[in-house]
C-alpha atoms as a PDB file:
ATOM      1  CA  UNK A   1     -36.606  30.755   8.412  1.00  0.00           C
ATOM      2  CA  UNK A   2     -38.652  29.589   5.487  1.00  0.00           C
ATOM      3  CA  UNK A   3     -42.078  31.091   5.061  1.00  0.00           C
ATOM      4  CA  UNK A   4     -44.861  28.802   6.295  1.00  0.00           C
ATOM      5  CA  UNK A   5     -42.596  26.684   8.485  1.00  0.00           C
ATOM      6  CA  UNK A   6     -42.522  26.746  12.270  1.00  0.00           C
ATOM      7  CA  UNK A   7     -39.333  26.616  14.361  1.00  0.00           C
ATOM      8  CA  UNK A   8     -40.235  23.004  15.182  1.00  0.00           C
ATOM      9  CA  UNK A   9     -40.427  22.171  11.469  1.00  0.00           C
ATOM     10  CA  UNK A  10     -36.947  23.585  11.017  1.00  0.00           C
ATOM     11  CA  UNK A  11     -35.614  21.686  14.047  1.00  0.00           C
ATOM     12  CA  UNK A  12     -37.066  18.450  12.673  1.00  0.00           C
ATOM     13  CA  UNK A  13     -35.640  19.098   9.223  1.00  0.00           C
ATOM     14  CA  UNK A  14     -39.019  19.391   7.505  1.00  0.00           C
ATOM     15  CA  UNK A  15     -38.991  21.530   4.413  1.00  0.00           C
ATOM     16  CA  UNK A  16     -35.267  21.014   3.854  1.00  0.00           C
ATOM     17  CA  UNK A  17     -34.100  18.418   1.358  1.00  0.00           C
ATOM     18  CA  UNK A  18     -31.731  15.848   2.828  1.00  0.00           C
ATOM     19  CA  UNK A  19     -32.609  16.652   6.439  1.00  0.00           C
ATOM     20  CA  UNK A  20     -34.721  15.109   9.141  1.00  0.00           C
ATOM     21  CA  UNK A  21     -36.447  11.807   8.524  1.00  0.00           C
ATOM     22  CA  UNK A  22     -34.441  11.078   5.371  1.00  0.00           C
ATOM     23  CA  UNK A  23     -31.364  10.693   7.586  1.00  0.00           C
ATOM     24  CA  UNK A  24     -32.911   7.609   9.152  1.00  0.00           C
ATOM     25  CA  UNK A  25     -33.746   5.867   5.873  1.00  0.00           C
ATOM     26  CA  UNK A  26     -31.702   2.868   4.757  1.00  0.00           C
ATOM     27  CA  UNK A  27     -30.849   4.622   1.485  1.00  0.00           C
ATOM     28  CA  UNK A  28     -29.033   7.437   3.255  1.00  0.00           C
ATOM     29  CA  UNK A  29     -26.799   5.931   5.937  1.00  0.00           C
ATOM     30  CA  UNK A  30     -23.831   8.287   5.616  1.00  0.00           C
ATOM     31  CA  UNK A  31     -23.528  10.063   8.995  1.00  0.00           C
ATOM     32  CA  UNK A  32     -20.381   8.280  10.119  1.00  0.00           C
ATOM     33  CA  UNK A  33     -19.744   6.489   6.847  1.00  0.00           C
ATOM     34  CA  UNK A  34     -21.576   4.461   4.284  1.00  0.00           C
ATOM     35  CA  UNK A  35     -22.013   1.095   5.989  1.00  0.00           C
ATOM     36  CA  UNK A  36     -23.097  -0.749   2.840  1.00  0.00           C
ATOM     37  CA  UNK A  37     -20.144   0.545   0.821  1.00  0.00           C
ATOM     38  CA  UNK A  38     -17.794  -0.330   3.676  1.00  0.00           C
ATOM     39  CA  UNK A  39     -19.191  -3.864   3.863  1.00  0.00           C
ATOM     40  CA  UNK A  40     -18.841  -4.306   0.080  1.00  0.00           C
ATOM     41  CA  UNK A  41     -15.269  -2.999   0.149  1.00  0.00           C
ATOM     42  CA  UNK A  42     -14.288  -5.318   3.001  1.00  0.00           C
ATOM     43  CA  UNK A  43     -15.819  -8.345   1.239  1.00  0.00           C
ATOM     44  CA  UNK A  44     -14.104  -7.503  -2.067  1.00  0.00           C
ATOM     45  CA  UNK A  45     -10.762  -7.004  -0.296  1.00  0.00           C
ATOM     46  CA  UNK A  46     -11.058 -10.325   1.512  1.00  0.00           C
ATOM     47  CA  UNK A  47     -11.980 -12.090  -1.740  1.00  0.00           C
ATOM     48  CA  UNK A  48      -8.985 -10.512  -3.547  1.00  0.00           C
ATOM     49  CA  UNK A  49      -6.564 -11.561  -0.805  1.00  0.00           C
ATOM     50  CA  UNK A  50      -7.911 -15.101  -0.830  1.00  0.00           C
ATOM     51  CA  UNK A  51      -7.598 -15.253  -4.650  1.00  0.00           C
ATOM     52  CA  UNK A  52      -3.795 -15.354  -4.424  1.00  0.00           C
ATOM     53  CA  UNK A  53      -3.351 -12.455  -6.851  1.00  0.00           C
ATOM     54  CA  UNK A  54      -1.752 -10.028  -4.375  1.00  0.00           C
ATOM     55  CA  UNK A  55       1.874 -10.799  -5.296  1.00  0.00           C
ATOM     56  CA  UNK A  56       1.227 -10.335  -9.020  1.00  0.00           C
ATOM     57  CA  UNK A  57      -0.685  -7.089  -8.410  1.00  0.00           C
ATOM     58  CA  UNK A  58       2.225  -5.794  -6.311  1.00  0.00           C
ATOM     59  CA  UNK A  59       4.695  -6.641  -9.092  1.00  0.00           C
ATOM     60  CA  UNK A  60       2.432  -4.951 -11.674  1.00  0.00           C
ATOM     61  CA  UNK A  61       2.213  -1.800  -9.528  1.00  0.00           C
ATOM     62  CA  UNK A  62       5.972  -1.546  -8.968  1.00  0.00           C
ATOM     63  CA  UNK A  63       7.764   1.326 -10.724  1.00  0.00           C
ATOM     64  CA  UNK A  64       9.009   0.385 -14.184  1.00  0.00           C
ATOM     65  CA  UNK A  65      12.093   2.629 -14.092  1.00  0.00           C
ATOM     66  CA  UNK A  66      14.025   5.072 -11.907  1.00  0.00           C
ATOM     67  CA  UNK A  67      11.898   8.013 -13.077  1.00  0.00           C
ATOM     68  CA  UNK A  68       8.664   6.312 -12.003  1.00  0.00           C
ATOM     69  CA  UNK A  69      10.245   5.337  -8.680  1.00  0.00           C
ATOM     70  CA  UNK A  70      11.254   8.947  -8.073  1.00  0.00           C
ATOM     71  CA  UNK A  71       7.765  10.219  -8.954  1.00  0.00           C
ATOM     72  CA  UNK A  72       6.156   7.706  -6.598  1.00  0.00           C
ATOM     73  CA  UNK A  73       8.497   8.656  -3.759  1.00  0.00           C
ATOM     74  CA  UNK A  74       7.805  12.374  -4.289  1.00  0.00           C
ATOM     75  CA  UNK A  75       4.045  11.757  -4.321  1.00  0.00           C
ATOM     76  CA  UNK A  76       4.320   9.784  -1.087  1.00  0.00           C
ATOM     77  CA  UNK A  77       6.367  12.533   0.564  1.00  0.00           C
ATOM     78  CA  UNK A  78       3.889  15.218  -0.572  1.00  0.00           C
ATOM     79  CA  UNK A  79       0.978  13.204   0.825  1.00  0.00           C
ATOM     80  CA  UNK A  80       2.751  12.734   4.149  1.00  0.00           C
ATOM     81  CA  UNK A  81       3.367  16.480   4.401  1.00  0.00           C
ATOM     82  CA  UNK A  82      -0.396  17.051   4.219  1.00  0.00           C
ATOM     83  CA  UNK A  83      -1.460  14.102   6.380  1.00  0.00           C
ATOM     84  CA  UNK A  84      -2.814  14.624   9.880  1.00  0.00           C
ATOM     85  CA  UNK A  85      -0.826  13.069  12.706  1.00  0.00           C
ATOM     86  CA  UNK A  86       1.928  12.030  10.314  1.00  0.00           C
ATOM     87  CA  UNK A  87       5.515  11.897  11.487  1.00  0.00           C
ATOM     88  CA  UNK A  88       7.553  14.916  10.411  1.00  0.00           C
ATOM     89  CA  UNK A  89       8.875  14.542   6.888  1.00  0.00           C
ATOM     90  CA  UNK A  90      11.734  16.488   5.403  1.00  0.00           C
ATOM     91  CA  UNK A  91      11.257  17.988   1.972  1.00  0.00           C
ATOM     92  CA  UNK A  92      13.038  15.764  -0.544  1.00  0.00           C
ATOM     93  CA  UNK A  93      16.296  17.252  -1.817  1.00  0.00           C
ATOM     94  CA  UNK A  94      16.174  18.958  -5.167  1.00  0.00           C
ATOM     95  CA  UNK A  95      17.700  16.569  -7.686  1.00  0.00           C
ATOM     96  CA  UNK A  96      20.851  17.625  -9.482  1.00  0.00           C
ATOM     97  CA  UNK A  97      20.278  18.651 -13.106  1.00  0.00           C
ATOM     98  CA  UNK A  98      21.115  15.931 -15.619  1.00  0.00           C
ATOM     99  CA  UNK A  99      23.466  18.294 -17.487  1.00  0.00           C
ATOM    100  CA  UNK A 100      25.910  20.335 -15.456  1.00  0.00           C
ATOM    101  CA  UNK A 101      26.731  23.893 -16.519  1.00  0.00           C
ATOM    102  CA  UNK A 102      30.414  24.291 -17.353  1.00  0.00           C
ATOM    103  CA  UNK A 103      32.350  26.190 -14.713  1.00  0.00           C
ATOM    104  CA  UNK A 104      32.510  29.916 -15.386  1.00  0.00           C
ATOM    105  CA  UNK A 105      35.763  31.168 -16.852  1.00  0.00           C
ATOM    106  CA  UNK A 106      38.012  33.398 -14.797  1.00  0.00           C
ATOM    107  CA  UNK A 107      37.034  36.371 -17.020  1.00  0.00           C
ATOM    108  CA  UNK A 108      33.326  35.688 -16.367  1.00  0.00           C
ATOM    109  CA  UNK A 109      33.878  35.542 -12.584  1.00  0.00           C
ATOM    110  CA  UNK A 110      35.669  38.912 -12.703  1.00  0.00           C
ATOM    111  CA  UNK A 111      32.802  40.461 -14.663  1.00  0.00           C
ATOM    112  CA  UNK A 112      30.241  39.025 -12.226  1.00  0.00           C
ATOM    113  CA  UNK A 113      32.199  40.358  -9.245  1.00  0.00           C
ATOM    114  CA  UNK A 114      32.587  43.842 -10.744  1.00  0.00           C
ATOM    115  CA  UNK A 115      28.878  44.112 -11.555  1.00  0.00           C
ATOM    116  CA  UNK A 116      27.886  43.745  -7.912  1.00  0.00           C
END
């Protein structure tokens, strides 16, 4: 307990920044979310949808090539693995290397087998 403060002061949040009466102020409405920010977001989203620019934005956000598409899919899978209440997701298969190693010669296989 802080020196000079009673248990009731502590219970009421007095003497502690960000506690007590500040919670009830209009500037600090964040207990279950920021209502003003939520309202602004909802209004901006509605305005964007009504603007007719959704289709173009979707085309602009689409992957530009196979590499980008693969990265986006991997990011989505990784996010789903961490998400609460998400359906089970299998780890994506490891992609095959772009350049395949040549098959080992018969001599190399014999050496590998004898070294075990």
